[in-house]
Protein backbone atom coordinates (compact mmCIF):
# COMPACT_ATOMS: atom_id res chain seq x y z
CA MET A 1 -0.57 0.14 0.12
CA ILE A 2 1.18 4.07 -0.76
CA PRO A 3 1.76 5.76 2.02
CA LYS A 4 0.46 9.40 1.93
CA PHE A 5 2.35 12.09 0.26
CA LYS A 6 3.09 13.90 3.96
CA ALA A 7 4.73 10.53 5.13
CA TYR A 8 7.25 10.39 1.98
CA PHE A 9 8.83 13.87 3.68
CA TYR A 10 10.91 11.78 6.10
CA PRO A 11 12.59 9.22 3.45
CA PHE A 12 13.15 12.55 0.88
CA LEU A 13 14.37 14.60 3.93
CA LEU A 14 16.25 11.62 4.63
CA LEU A 15 17.71 11.84 1.59
CA LEU A 16 18.93 15.44 1.27
CA GLN A 17 20.58 15.59 4.50
CA GLY A 18 24.16 14.75 2.92
CA GLY A 19 23.51 17.83 0.51
CA GLU A 20 23.72 15.85 -2.53
CA MET A 21 21.49 17.40 -5.54
CA TYR A 22 19.22 14.07 -7.31
CA LYS A 23 17.56 13.34 -9.56
CA ILE A 24 13.94 13.27 -9.52
CA ALA A 25 14.02 9.41 -10.95
CA THR A 26 17.21 9.06 -8.19
CA ILE A 27 15.20 10.12 -5.17
CA ARG A 28 11.52 7.65 -6.47
CA SER A 29 13.49 4.58 -6.55
CA PHE A 30 15.08 6.24 -2.36
CA ILE A 31 12.06 6.30 -1.25
CA SER A 32 10.48 2.91 -2.36
CA ALA A 33 13.01 1.48 -1.09
CA TYR A 34 13.18 3.09 2.18
CA PHE A 35 9.11 1.87 1.96
CA ASN A 36 9.94 -1.20 0.31
CA LEU A 37 7.29 -0.73 -2.24
CA SER A 38 6.57 -4.05 -4.21
CA GLU A 39 5.62 -3.83 -8.09
CA ALA A 40 2.22 -4.01 -7.63
CA ASP A 41 2.41 -1.33 -4.69
CA LEU A 42 4.03 1.08 -7.74
CA LYS A 43 1.80 0.00 -10.47
CA GLU A 44 -0.96 1.77 -8.12
CA THR A 45 -2.42 5.10 -9.67
CA THR A 46 -4.59 7.95 -9.99
CA LYS A 47 -7.38 8.51 -11.54
CA GLY A 48 -5.72 10.96 -13.46
CA GLY A 49 -3.85 8.02 -14.49
CA LEU A 50 -0.29 8.72 -13.13
CA SER A 51 1.29 6.33 -10.54
CA LYS A 52 0.70 6.75 -7.28
CA HIS A 53 4.39 6.90 -6.12
CA GLU A 54 5.08 9.48 -8.78
CA SER A 55 2.05 11.90 -7.56
CA ARG A 56 3.07 11.78 -4.20
CA THR A 57 7.12 12.00 -4.82
CA ASN A 58 6.24 14.93 -6.24
CA TRP A 59 3.84 16.52 -4.71
CA ALA A 60 6.73 15.64 -1.46
CA VAL A 61 9.03 17.85 -3.71
CA THR A 62 7.62 20.58 -4.65
CA TYR A 63 5.89 20.89 -1.43
CA LEU A 64 9.66 21.32 0.55
């Protein structure tokens, strides 16, 4: 199950604490590994057809 988008803040901040810059694909990969998301989880989509994981990662990055 994909966590709520606010849960994405913590692993995103963990990744950034080293002061490096990352591409969004690297951030998505790190967060999916952090939450141990399955392939089925990663295939869940929003009403608009975008992956829930991608959408929530994008929101976390934008919000912070």
